[in-house]
């Protein structure tokens, strides 16, 4: 106590220093809280990124299956259309040949 009574200026300096130390402690505490909050936010983002990546892989697999299925279906319809056209053409040619054979068009040999 003697120190503060005989040297009041030193006591003011000490009080100011203590107040500054207290302010710095508060700032450090706030910064630590912010860092912890960011860490939690980063963990959430990492989790969401992993989920999104898994969903993207699943989508890619499903879309490849759908693409292959549609290609097969398209190929099937192409073959059916081709067979129908060939059958129609053969039928027309046979009918024309039969009509020519029966002299329906009046063609003479």
PDB file of N, CA and C in Angstrom:
ATOM      1  N   UNK A   1       0.810  -1.185   0.000  1.00  0.00           N
ATOM      2  CA  UNK A   1       0.000   0.000   0.000  1.00  0.00           C
ATOM      3  C   UNK A   1       0.860   1.258   0.000  1.00  0.00           C
ATOM      4  N   UNK A   2       1.954   1.112   0.590  1.00  0.00           N
ATOM      5  CA  UNK A   2       2.864   2.245   0.657  1.00  0.00           C
ATOM      6  C   UNK A   2       3.250   2.714  -0.740  1.00  0.00           C
ATOM      7  N   UNK A   3       3.408   1.769  -1.636  1.00  0.00           N
ATOM      8  CA  UNK A   3       3.816   2.081  -3.002  1.00  0.00           C
ATOM      9  C   UNK A   3       2.800   2.996  -3.670  1.00  0.00           C
ATOM     10  N   UNK A   4       1.497   2.704  -3.491  1.00  0.00           N
ATOM     11  CA  UNK A   4       0.447   3.488  -4.134  1.00  0.00           C
ATOM     12  C   UNK A   4       0.247   4.838  -3.458  1.00  0.00           C
ATOM     13  N   UNK A   5       0.559   4.917  -2.220  1.00  0.00           N
ATOM     14  CA  UNK A   5       0.368   6.178  -1.509  1.00  0.00           C
ATOM     15  C   UNK A   5       1.462   7.162  -1.848  1.00  0.00           C
ATOM     16  N   UNK A   6       2.660   6.655  -1.973  1.00  0.00           N
ATOM     17  CA  UNK A   6       3.779   7.571  -2.204  1.00  0.00           C
ATOM     18  C   UNK A   6       3.985   7.866  -3.694  1.00  0.00           C
ATOM     19  N   UNK A   7       3.552   6.974  -4.579  1.00  0.00           N
ATOM     20  CA  UNK A   7       3.765   7.193  -6.019  1.00  0.00           C
ATOM     21  C   UNK A   7       2.431   7.021  -6.768  1.00  0.00           C
ATOM     22  N   UNK A   8       1.562   7.993  -6.756  1.00  0.00           N
ATOM     23  CA  UNK A   8       0.255   7.866  -7.409  1.00  0.00           C
ATOM     24  C   UNK A   8       0.370   7.755  -8.932  1.00  0.00           C
ATOM     25  N   UNK A   9       1.402   8.350  -9.533  1.00  0.00           N
ATOM     26  CA  UNK A   9       1.555   8.255 -10.995  1.00  0.00           C
ATOM     27  C   UNK A   9       1.838   6.817 -11.410  1.00  0.00           C
ATOM     28  N   UNK A  10       2.650   6.146 -10.615  1.00  0.00           N
ATOM     29  CA  UNK A  10       2.966   4.748 -10.910  1.00  0.00           C
ATOM     30  C   UNK A  10       1.711   3.887 -10.767  1.00  0.00           C
ATOM     31  N   UNK A  11       0.868   4.228  -9.814  1.00  0.00           N
ATOM     32  CA  UNK A  11      -0.375   3.484  -9.613  1.00  0.00           C
ATOM     33  C   UNK A  11      -1.293   3.665 -10.813  1.00  0.00           C
ATOM     34  N   UNK A  12      -1.360   4.865 -11.380  1.00  0.00           N
ATOM     35  CA  UNK A  12      -2.175   5.107 -12.569  1.00  0.00           C
ATOM     36  C   UNK A  12      -1.649   4.319 -13.763  1.00  0.00           C
ATOM     37  N   UNK A  13      -0.330   4.283 -13.906  1.00  0.00           N
ATOM     38  CA  UNK A  13       0.267   3.518 -14.998  1.00  0.00           C
ATOM     39  C   UNK A  13      -0.063   2.035 -14.852  1.00  0.00           C
ATOM     40  N   UNK A  14       0.018   1.555 -13.624  1.00  0.00           N
ATOM     41  CA  UNK A  14      -0.274   0.157 -13.369  1.00  0.00           C
ATOM     42  C   UNK A  14      -1.751  -0.149 -13.660  1.00  0.00           C
ATOM     43  N   UNK A  15      -2.634   0.736 -13.275  1.00  0.00           N
ATOM     44  CA  UNK A  15      -4.066   0.547 -13.526  1.00  0.00           C
ATOM     45  C   UNK A  15      -4.354   0.567 -15.029  1.00  0.00           C
ATOM     46  N   UNK A  16      -3.694   1.500 -15.745  1.00  0.00           N
ATOM     47  CA  UNK A  16      -3.870   1.562 -17.194  1.00  0.00           C
ATOM     48  C   UNK A  16      -3.353   0.283 -17.864  1.00  0.00           C
ATOM     49  N   UNK A  17      -2.213  -0.182 -17.402  1.00  0.00           N
ATOM     50  CA  UNK A  17      -1.629  -1.404 -17.962  1.00  0.00           C
ATOM     51  C   UNK A  17      -2.545  -2.594 -17.708  1.00  0.00           C
ATOM     52  N   UNK A  18      -3.082  -2.656 -16.495  1.00  0.00           N
ATOM     53  CA  UNK A  18      -4.020  -3.752 -16.193  1.00  0.00           C
ATOM     54  C   UNK A  18      -5.267  -3.671 -17.077  1.00  0.00           C
ATOM     55  N   UNK A  19      -5.753  -2.459 -17.294  1.00  0.00           N
ATOM     56  CA  UNK A  19      -6.931  -2.283 -18.154  1.00  0.00           C
ATOM     57  C   UNK A  19      -6.608  -2.702 -19.595  1.00  0.00           C
ATOM     58  N   UNK A  20      -5.441  -2.349 -20.080  1.00  0.00           N
ATOM     59  CA  UNK A  20      -5.028  -2.745 -21.425  1.00  0.00           C
ATOM     60  C   UNK A  20      -4.884  -4.263 -21.524  1.00  0.00           C
ATOM     61  N   UNK A  21      -4.338  -4.870 -20.482  1.00  0.00           N
ATOM     62  CA  UNK A  21      -4.218  -6.321 -20.462  1.00  0.00           C
ATOM     63  C   UNK A  21      -5.605  -6.952 -20.493  1.00  0.00           C
ATOM     64  N   UNK A  22      -6.520  -6.391 -19.753  1.00  0.00           N
ATOM     65  CA  UNK A  22      -7.892  -6.905 -19.736  1.00  0.00           C
ATOM     66  C   UNK A  22      -8.540  -6.756 -21.119  1.00  0.00           C
ATOM     67  N   UNK A  23      -8.317  -5.620 -21.768  1.00  0.00           N
ATOM     68  CA  UNK A  23      -8.854  -5.409 -23.119  1.00  0.00           C
ATOM     69  C   UNK A  23      -8.264  -6.417 -24.108  1.00  0.00           C
ATOM     70  N   UNK A  24      -6.976  -6.647 -24.018  1.00  0.00           N
ATOM     71  CA  UNK A  24      -6.311  -7.609 -24.907  1.00  0.00           C
ATOM     72  C   UNK A  24      -6.857  -9.007 -24.662  1.00  0.00           C
ATOM     73  N   UNK A  25      -7.096  -9.356 -23.391  1.00  0.00           N
ATOM     74  CA  UNK A  25      -7.656 -10.665 -23.076  1.00  0.00           C
ATOM     75  C   UNK A  25      -9.038 -10.823 -23.706  1.00  0.00           C
ATOM     76  N   UNK A  26      -9.845  -9.764 -23.635  1.00  0.00           N
ATOM     77  CA  UNK A  26     -11.178  -9.820 -24.233  1.00  0.00           C
ATOM     78  C   UNK A  26     -11.087 -10.001 -25.755  1.00  0.00           C
ATOM     79  N   UNK A  27     -10.188  -9.264 -26.366  1.00  0.00           N
ATOM     80  CA  UNK A  27     -10.020  -9.371 -27.827  1.00  0.00           C
ATOM     81  C   UNK A  27      -9.555 -10.775 -28.209  1.00  0.00           C
ATOM     82  N   UNK A  28      -8.604 -11.304 -27.454  1.00  0.00           N
ATOM     83  CA  UNK A  28      -8.100 -12.660 -27.731  1.00  0.00           C
ATOM     84  C   UNK A  28      -9.228 -13.675 -27.565  1.00  0.00           C
ATOM     85  N   UNK A  29     -10.027 -13.519 -26.542  1.00  0.00           N
ATOM     86  CA  UNK A  29     -11.154 -14.425 -26.314  1.00  0.00           C
ATOM     87  C   UNK A  29     -12.148 -14.351 -27.471  1.00  0.00           C
ATOM     88  N   UNK A  30     -12.438 -13.141 -27.928  1.00  0.00           N
ATOM     89  CA  UNK A  30     -13.349 -12.977 -29.064  1.00  0.00           C
ATOM     90  C   UNK A  30     -12.774 -13.637 -30.318  1.00  0.00           C
ATOM     91  N   UNK A  31     -11.490 -13.440 -30.543  1.00  0.00           N
ATOM     92  CA  UNK A  31     -10.856 -14.039 -31.723  1.00  0.00           C
ATOM     93  C   UNK A  31     -10.889 -15.562 -31.657  1.00  0.00           C
ATOM     94  N   UNK A  32     -10.652 -16.104 -30.480  1.00  0.00           N
ATOM     95  CA  UNK A  32     -10.707 -17.566 -30.321  1.00  0.00           C
ATOM     96  C   UNK A  32     -12.122 -18.073 -30.597  1.00  0.00           C
ATOM     97  N   UNK A  33     -13.130 -17.361 -30.099  1.00  0.00           N
ATOM     98  CA  UNK A  33     -14.519 -17.745 -30.367  1.00  0.00           C
ATOM     99  C   UNK A  33     -14.820 -17.724 -31.864  1.00  0.00           C
ATOM    100  N   UNK A  34     -14.346 -16.695 -32.545  1.00  0.00           N
ATOM    101  CA  UNK A  34     -14.568 -16.590 -33.988  1.00  0.00           C
ATOM    102  C   UNK A  34     -13.883 -17.732 -34.739  1.00  0.00           C
ATOM    103  N   UNK A  35     -12.676 -18.060 -34.328  1.00  0.00           N
ATOM    104  CA  UNK A  35     -11.950 -19.168 -34.974  1.00  0.00           C
ATOM    105  C   UNK A  35     -12.697 -20.478 -34.769  1.00  0.00           C
ATOM    106  N   UNK A  36     -13.218 -20.700 -33.566  1.00  0.00           N
ATOM    107  CA  UNK A  36     -13.986 -21.916 -33.298  1.00  0.00           C
ATOM    108  C   UNK A  36     -15.257 -21.967 -34.146  1.00  0.00           C
ATOM    109  N   UNK A  37     -15.925 -20.819 -34.279  1.00  0.00           N
ATOM    110  CA  UNK A  37     -17.128 -20.762 -35.109  1.00  0.00           C
ATOM    111  C   UNK A  37     -16.780 -21.068 -36.564  1.00  0.00           C
ATOM    112  N   UNK A  38     -15.681 -20.506 -37.053  1.00  0.00           N
ATOM    113  CA  UNK A  38     -15.252 -20.787 -38.429  1.00  0.00           C
ATOM    114  C   UNK A  38     -14.937 -22.263 -38.604  1.00  0.00           C
ATOM    115  N   UNK A  39     -14.295 -22.838 -37.599  1.00  0.00           N
ATOM    116  CA  UNK A  39     -13.978 -24.265 -37.668  1.00  0.00           C
ATOM    117  C   UNK A  39     -15.230 -25.100 -37.798  1.00  0.00           C
ATOM    118  N   UNK A  40     -16.266 -24.746 -37.030  1.00  0.00           N
ATOM    119  CA  UNK A  40     -17.530 -25.465 -37.116  1.00  0.00           C
ATOM    120  C   UNK A  40     -18.158 -25.265 -38.491  1.00  0.00           C
ATOM    121  N   UNK A  41     -18.103 -24.029 -38.993  1.00  0.00           N
ATOM    122  CA  UNK A  41     -18.667 -23.745 -40.316  1.00  0.00           C
ATOM    123  C   UNK A  41     -17.909 -24.516 -41.388  1.00  0.00           C
ATOM    124  N   UNK A  42     -16.616 -24.610 -41.256  1.00  0.00           N
ATOM    125  CA  UNK A  42     -15.818 -25.347 -42.232  1.00  0.00           C
ATOM    126  C   UNK A  42     -16.174 -26.833 -42.190  1.00  0.00           C
ATOM    127  N   UNK A  43     -16.384 -27.363 -40.993  1.00  0.00           N
ATOM    128  CA  UNK A  43     -16.778 -28.768 -40.875  1.00  0.00           C
ATOM    129  C   UNK A  43     -18.117 -29.019 -41.570  1.00  0.00           C
ATOM    130  N   UNK A  44     -19.048 -28.088 -41.414  1.00  0.00           N
ATOM    131  CA  UNK A  44     -20.345 -28.211 -42.074  1.00  0.00           C
ATOM    132  C   UNK A  44     -20.160 -28.169 -43.590  1.00  0.00           C
ATOM    133  N   UNK A  45     -19.327 -27.254 -44.067  1.00  0.00           N
ATOM    134  CA  UNK A  45     -19.074 -27.157 -45.507  1.00  0.00           C
ATOM    135  C   UNK A  45     -18.417 -28.423 -46.048  1.00  0.00           C
ATOM    136  N   UNK A  46     -17.490 -28.971 -45.296  1.00  0.00           N
ATOM    137  CA  UNK A  46     -16.824 -30.208 -45.730  1.00  0.00           C
ATOM    138  C   UNK A  46     -17.847 -31.335 -45.816  1.00  0.00           C
ATOM    139  N   UNK A  47     -18.715 -31.429 -44.835  1.00  0.00           N
ATOM    140  CA  UNK A  47     -19.749 -32.468 -44.839  1.00  0.00           C
ATOM    141  C   UNK A  47     -20.689 -32.289 -46.037  1.00  0.00           C
ATOM    142  N   UNK A  48     -21.097 -31.061 -46.288  1.00  0.00           N
ATOM    143  CA  UNK A  48     -21.985 -30.802 -47.423  1.00  0.00           C
ATOM    144  C   UNK A  48     -21.280 -31.102 -48.743  1.00  0.00           C
ATOM    145  N   UNK A  49     -19.994 -30.795 -48.819  1.00  0.00           N
ATOM    146  CA  UNK A  49     -19.224 -31.076 -50.032  1.00  0.00           C
ATOM    147  C   UNK A  49     -19.145 -32.573 -50.286  1.00  0.00           C
ATOM    148  N   UNK A  50     -18.915 -33.340 -49.243  1.00  0.00           N
ATOM    149  CA  UNK A  50     -18.860 -34.795 -49.392  1.00  0.00           C
ATOM    150  C   UNK A  50     -20.204 -35.343 -49.856  1.00  0.00           C
ATOM    151  N   UNK A  51     -21.299 -34.832 -49.277  1.00  0.00           N
ATOM    152  CA  UNK A  51     -22.634 -35.265 -49.696  1.00  0.00           C
ATOM    153  C   UNK A  51     -22.878 -34.934 -51.163  1.00  0.00           C
ATOM    154  N   UNK A  52     -22.496 -33.727 -51.545  1.00  0.00           N
ATOM    155  CA  UNK A  52     -22.676 -33.304 -52.929  1.00  0.00           C
ATOM    156  C   UNK A  52     -21.858 -34.168 -53.880  1.00  0.00           C
ATOM    157  N   UNK A  53     -20.652 -34.500 -53.488  1.00  0.00           N
ATOM    158  CA  UNK A  53     -19.795 -35.344 -54.312  1.00  0.00           C
ATOM    159  C   UNK A  53     -20.407 -36.740 -54.471  1.00  0.00           C
ATOM    160  N   UNK A  54     -20.928 -37.293 -53.390  1.00  0.00           N
ATOM    161  CA  UNK A  54     -21.592 -38.602 -53.465  1.00  0.00           C
ATOM    162  C   UNK A  54     -22.823 -38.551 -54.360  1.00  0.00           C
ATOM    163  N   UNK A  55     -23.601 -37.480 -54.237  1.00  0.00           N
ATOM    164  CA  UNK A  55     -24.783 -37.323 -55.083  1.00  0.00           C
ATOM    165  C   UNK A  55     -24.390 -37.182 -56.554  1.00  0.00           C
ATOM    166  N   UNK A  56     -23.293 -36.489 -56.815  1.00  0.00           N
ATOM    167  CA  UNK A  56     -22.831 -36.320 -58.194  1.00  0.00           C
ATOM    168  C   UNK A  56     -22.422 -37.656 -58.791  1.00  0.00           C
ATOM    169  N   UNK A  57     -21.724 -38.474 -58.016  1.00  0.00           N
ATOM    170  CA  UNK A  57     -21.340 -39.809 -58.506  1.00  0.00           C
ATOM    171  C   UNK A  57     -22.571 -40.648 -58.808  1.00  0.00           C
ATOM    172  N   UNK A  58     -23.531 -40.629 -57.897  1.00  0.00           N
ATOM    173  CA  UNK A  58     -24.762 -41.393 -58.085  1.00  0.00           C
ATOM    174  C   UNK A  58     -25.501 -40.908 -59.335  1.00  0.00           C
ATOM    175  N   UNK A  59     -25.581 -39.607 -59.505  1.00  0.00           N
ATOM    176  CA  UNK A  59     -26.249 -39.047 -60.685  1.00  0.00           C
ATOM    177  C   UNK A  59     -25.540 -39.474 -61.962  1.00  0.00           C
ATOM    178  N   UNK A  60     -24.220 -39.461 -61.943  1.00  0.00           N
ATOM    179  CA  UNK A  60     -23.461 -39.844 -63.130  1.00  0.00           C
ATOM    180  C   UNK A  60     -23.725 -41.308 -63.489  1.00  0.00           C
ATOM    181  N   UNK A  61     -23.741 -42.184 -62.493  1.00  0.00           N
ATOM    182  CA  UNK A  61     -24.007 -43.599 -62.752  1.00  0.00           C
ATOM    183  C   UNK A  61     -25.417 -43.786 -63.317  1.00  0.00           C
ATOM    184  N   UNK A  62     -26.394 -43.135 -62.701  1.00  0.00           N
ATOM    185  CA  UNK A  62     -27.772 -43.276 -63.168  1.00  0.00           C
ATOM    186  C   UNK A  62     -27.951 -42.698 -64.567  1.00  0.00           C
ATOM    187  N   UNK A  63     -27.326 -41.560 -64.836  1.00  0.00           N
ATOM    188  CA  UNK A  63     -27.472 -40.961 -66.158  1.00  0.00           C
ATOM    189  C   UNK A  63     -26.803 -41.814 -67.225  1.00  0.00           C
ATOM    190  N   UNK A  64     -25.696 -42.471 -66.891  1.00  0.00           N
ATOM    191  CA  UNK A  64     -25.049 -43.372 -67.846  1.00  0.00           C
ATOM    192  C   UNK A  64     -25.953 -44.560 -68.147  1.00  0.00           C
ATOM    193  N   UNK A  65     -26.598 -45.107 -67.113  1.00  0.00           N
ATOM    194  CA  UNK A  65     -27.528 -46.217 -67.331  1.00  0.00           C
ATOM    195  C   UNK A  65     -28.695 -45.798 -68.215  1.00  0.00           C
ATOM    196  N   UNK A  66     -29.235 -44.612 -67.952  1.00  0.00           N
ATOM    197  CA  UNK A  66     -30.360 -44.114 -68.751  1.00  0.00           C
ATOM    198  C   UNK A  66     -29.919 -43.886 -70.198  1.00  0.00           C
ATOM    199  N   UNK A  67     -28.741 -43.326 -70.380  1.00  0.00           N
ATOM    200  CA  UNK A  67     -28.216 -43.090 -71.734  1.00  0.00           C
ATOM    201  C   UNK A  67     -28.076 -44.402 -72.498  1.00  0.00           C
ATOM    202  N   UNK A  68     -27.501 -45.413 -71.852  1.00  0.00           N
ATOM    203  CA  UNK A  68     -27.338 -46.714 -72.499  1.00  0.00           C
ATOM    204  C   UNK A  68     -28.689 -47.336 -72.832  1.00  0.00           C
ATOM    205  N   UNK A  69     -29.637 -47.215 -71.919  1.00  0.00           N
ATOM    206  CA  UNK A  69     -30.975 -47.758 -72.148  1.00  0.00           C
ATOM    207  C   UNK A  69     -31.631 -47.079 -73.345  1.00  0.00           C
ATOM    208  N   UNK A  70     -31.498 -45.763 -73.431  1.00  0.00           N
ATOM    209  CA  UNK A  70     -32.094 -45.029 -74.542  1.00  0.00           C
ATOM    210  C   UNK A  70     -31.410 -45.366 -75.863  1.00  0.00           C
ATOM    211  N   UNK A  71     -30.107 -45.584 -75.834  1.00  0.00           N
ATOM    212  CA  UNK A  71     -29.391 -45.991 -77.053  1.00  0.00           C
ATOM    213  C   UNK A  71     -29.885 -47.345 -77.536  1.00  0.00           C
ATOM    214  N   UNK A  72     -30.065 -48.278 -76.603  1.00  0.00           N
ATOM    215  CA  UNK A  72     -30.578 -49.603 -76.975  1.00  0.00           C
ATOM    216  C   UNK A  72     -31.994 -49.485 -77.541  1.00  0.00           C
ATOM    217  N   UNK A  73     -32.817 -48.677 -76.902  1.00  0.00           N
ATOM    218  CA  UNK A  73     -34.192 -48.505 -77.368  1.00  0.00           C
ATOM    219  C   UNK A  73     -34.197 -47.873 -78.768  1.00  0.00           C
ATOM    220  N   UNK A  74     -33.358 -46.872 -78.972  1.00  0.00           N
ATOM    221  CA  UNK A  74     -33.273 -46.211 -80.266  1.00  0.00           C
ATOM    222  C   UNK A  74     -32.798 -47.201 -81.334  1.00  0.00           C
ATOM    223  N   UNK A  75     -31.802 -48.013 -80.998  1.00  0.00           N
ATOM    224  CA  UNK A  75     -31.283 -49.018 -81.928  1.00  0.00           C
ATOM    225  C   UNK A  75     -32.366 -50.028 -82.274  1.00  0.00           C
ATOM    226  N   UNK A  76     -33.137 -50.437 -81.269  1.00  0.00           N
ATOM    227  CA  UNK A  76     -34.216 -51.402 -81.474  1.00  0.00           C
ATOM    228  C   UNK A  76     -35.247 -50.834 -82.451  1.00  0.00           C
ATOM    229  N   UNK A  77     -35.637 -49.576 -82.256  1.00  0.00           N
ATOM    230  CA  UNK A  77     -36.624 -48.965 -83.140  1.00  0.00           C
ATOM    231  C   UNK A  77     -36.056 -48.734 -84.535  1.00  0.00           C
ATOM    232  N   UNK A  78     -34.780 -48.487 -84.634  1.00  0.00           N
ATOM    233  CA  UNK A  78     -34.152 -48.347 -85.946  1.00  0.00           C
ATOM    234  C   UNK A  78     -34.214 -49.666 -86.693  1.00  0.00           C
ATOM    235  N   UNK A  79     -33.916 -50.756 -86.007  1.00  0.00           N
ATOM    236  CA  UNK A  79     -33.979 -52.078 -86.636  1.00  0.00           C
ATOM    237  C   UNK A  79     -35.418 -52.404 -87.049  1.00  0.00           C
ATOM    238  N   UNK A  80     -36.372 -52.143 -86.179  1.00  0.00           N
ATOM    239  CA  UNK A  80     -37.782 -52.418 -86.496  1.00  0.00           C
ATOM    240  C   UNK A  80     -38.218 -51.601 -87.705  1.00  0.00           C
ATOM    241  N   UNK A  81     -37.861 -50.337 -87.741  1.00  0.00           N
ATOM    242  CA  UNK A  81     -38.227 -49.475 -88.871  1.00  0.00           C
ATOM    243  C   UNK A  81     -37.592 -49.975 -90.157  1.00  0.00           C
ATOM    244  N   UNK A  82     -36.339 -50.368 -90.093  1.00  0.00           N
ATOM    245  CA  UNK A  82     -35.642 -50.873 -91.274  1.00  0.00           C
ATOM    246  C   UNK A  82     -36.293 -52.156 -91.780  1.00  0.00           C
ATOM    247  N   UNK A  83     -36.609 -53.067 -90.886  1.00  0.00           N
ATOM    248  CA  UNK A  83     -37.257 -54.321 -91.268  1.00  0.00           C
ATOM    249  C   UNK A  83     -38.619 -54.048 -91.898  1.00  0.00           C
ATOM    250  N   UNK A  84     -39.379 -53.128 -91.316  1.00  0.00           N
ATOM    251  CA  UNK A  84     -40.693 -52.785 -91.874  1.00  0.00           C
ATOM    252  C   UNK A  84     -40.552 -52.186 -93.273  1.00  0.00           C
ATOM    253  N   UNK A  85     -39.593 -51.309 -93.457  1.00  0.00           N
ATOM    254  CA  UNK A  85     -39.374 -50.702 -94.775  1.00  0.00           C
ATOM    255  C   UNK A  85     -38.970 -51.756 -95.799  1.00  0.00           C
ATOM    256  N   UNK A  86     -38.065 -52.634 -95.414  1.00  0.00           N
ATOM    257  CA  UNK A  86     -37.626 -53.695 -96.328  1.00  0.00           C
ATOM    258  C   UNK A  86     -38.796 -54.612 -96.667  1.00  0.00           C
ATOM    259  N   UNK A  87     -39.592 -54.981 -95.679  1.00  0.00           N
ATOM    260  CA  UNK A  87     -40.755 -55.841 -95.932  1.00  0.00           C
ATOM    261  C   UNK A  87     -41.757 -55.143 -96.855  1.00  0.00           C
ATOM    262  N   UNK A  88     -41.991 -53.872 -96.619  1.00  0.00           N
ATOM    263  CA  UNK A  88     -42.909 -53.111 -97.477  1.00  0.00           C
ATOM    264  C   UNK A  88     -42.379 -53.053 -98.902  1.00  0.00           C
ATOM    265  N   UNK A  89     -41.102 -52.795 -99.055  1.00  0.00           N
ATOM    266  CA  UNK A  89     -40.491 -52.721-100.376  1.00  0.00           C
ATOM    267  C   UNK A  89     -40.561 -54.077-101.088  1.00  0.00           C
ATOM    268  N   UNK A  90     -40.273 -55.134-100.378  1.00  0.00           N
ATOM    269  CA  UNK A  90     -40.345 -56.472-100.961  1.00  0.00           C
ATOM    270  C   UNK A  90     -41.782 -56.782-101.372  1.00  0.00           C
ATOM    271  N   UNK A  91     -42.745 -56.421-100.533  1.00  0.00           N
ATOM    272  CA  UNK A  91     -44.157 -56.663-100.848  1.00  0.00           C
ATOM    273  C   UNK A  91     -44.562 -55.895-102.098  1.00  0.00           C
ATOM    274  N   UNK A  92     -44.173 -54.642-102.183  1.00  0.00           N
ATOM    275  CA  UNK A  92     -44.509 -53.831-103.365  1.00  0.00           C
ATOM    276  C   UNK A  92     -43.886 -54.442-104.620  1.00  0.00           C
ATOM    277  N   UNK A  93     -42.631 -54.832-104.521  1.00  0.00           N
ATOM    278  CA  UNK A  93     -41.963 -55.430-105.681  1.00  0.00           C
ATOM    279  C   UNK A  93     -42.620 -56.751-106.086  1.00  0.00           C
ATOM    280  N   UNK A  94     -43.008 -57.548-105.113  1.00  0.00           N
ATOM    281  CA  UNK A  94     -43.702 -58.806-105.434  1.00  0.00           C
ATOM    282  C   UNK A  94     -45.051 -58.561-106.097  1.00  0.00           C
ATOM    283  N   UNK A  95     -45.782 -57.575-105.587  1.00  0.00           N
ATOM    284  CA  UNK A  95     -47.085 -57.244-106.175  1.00  0.00           C
ATOM    285  C   UNK A  95     -46.891 -56.756-107.604  1.00  0.00           C
ATOM    286  N   UNK A  96     -45.904 -55.884-107.826  1.00  0.00           N
ATOM    287  CA  UNK A  96     -45.633 -55.386-109.173  1.00  0.00           C
ATOM    288  C   UNK A  96     -45.208 -56.533-110.104  1.00  0.00           C
ATOM    289  N   UNK A  97     -44.360 -57.404-109.599  1.00  0.00           N
ATOM    290  CA  UNK A  97     -43.927 -58.542-110.420  1.00  0.00           C
ATOM    291  C   UNK A  97     -45.104 -59.447-110.762  1.00  0.00           C
ATOM    292  N   UNK A  98     -45.998 -59.655-109.797  1.00  0.00           N
ATOM    293  CA  UNK A  98     -47.174 -60.491-110.034  1.00  0.00           C
ATOM    294  C   UNK A  98     -48.098 -59.837-111.058  1.00  0.00           C
ATOM    295  N   UNK A  99     -48.271 -58.517-110.953  1.00  0.00           N
ATOM    296  CA  UNK A  99     -49.125 -57.812-111.891  1.00  0.00           C
ATOM    297  C   UNK A  99     -48.529 -57.838-113.305  1.00  0.00           C
ATOM    298  N   UNK A 100     -47.224 -57.698-113.391  1.00  0.00           N
ATOM    299  CA  UNK A 100     -46.572 -57.770-114.695  1.00  0.00           C
ATOM    300  C   UNK A 100     -46.714 -59.190-115.247  1.00  0.00           C
ATOM    301  N   UNK A 101     -46.571 -60.172-114.427  1.00  0.00           N
ATOM    302  CA  UNK A 101     -46.678 -61.568-114.841  1.00  0.00           C
ATOM    303  C   UNK A 101     -48.093 -61.873-115.338  1.00  0.00           C
ATOM    304  N   UNK A 102     -49.079 -61.252-114.714  1.00  0.00           N
ATOM    305  CA  UNK A 102     -50.470 -61.502-115.089  1.00  0.00           C
ATOM    306  C   UNK A 102     -50.913 -60.595-116.238  1.00  0.00           C
ATOM    307  N   UNK A 103     -50.041 -59.813-116.785  1.00  0.00           N
ATOM    308  CA  UNK A 103     -50.296 -58.914-117.914  1.00  0.00           C
ATOM    309  C   UNK A 103     -51.360 -57.872-117.590  1.00  0.00           C
ATOM    310  N   UNK A 104     -51.381 -57.386-116.380  1.00  0.00           N
ATOM    311  CA  UNK A 104     -52.368 -56.393-115.973  1.00  0.00           C
ATOM    312  C   UNK A 104     -52.023 -55.029-116.592  1.00  0.00           C
ATOM    313  N   UNK A 105     -50.791 -54.754-116.798  1.00  0.00           N
ATOM    314  CA  UNK A 105     -50.395 -53.457-117.324  1.00  0.00           C
ATOM    315  C   UNK A 105     -50.435 -53.426-118.854  1.00  0.00           C
ATOM    316  N   UNK A 106     -50.789 -54.475-119.448  1.00  0.00           N
ATOM    317  CA  UNK A 106     -50.878 -54.532-120.900  1.00  0.00           C
ATOM    318  C   UNK A 106     -49.518 -54.570-121.584  1.00  0.00           C
ATOM    319  N   UNK A 107     -48.547 -54.977-120.922  1.00  0.00           N
ATOM    320  CA  UNK A 107     -47.217 -55.100-121.521  1.00  0.00           C
ATOM    321  C   UNK A 107     -47.164 -56.402-122.280  1.00  0.00           C
ATOM    322  N   UNK A 108     -46.691 -56.364-123.510  1.00  0.00           N
ATOM    323  CA  UNK A 108     -46.614 -57.570-124.307  1.00  0.00           C
ATOM    324  C   UNK A 108     -45.165 -57.964-124.469  1.00  0.00           C
ATOM    325  N   UNK A 109     -44.973 -59.244-124.524  1.00  0.00           N
ATOM    326  CA  UNK A 109     -43.612 -59.758-124.713  1.00  0.00           C
ATOM    327  C   UNK A 109     -43.197 -59.714-126.145  1.00  0.00           C
TER     328      UNK A 109
END
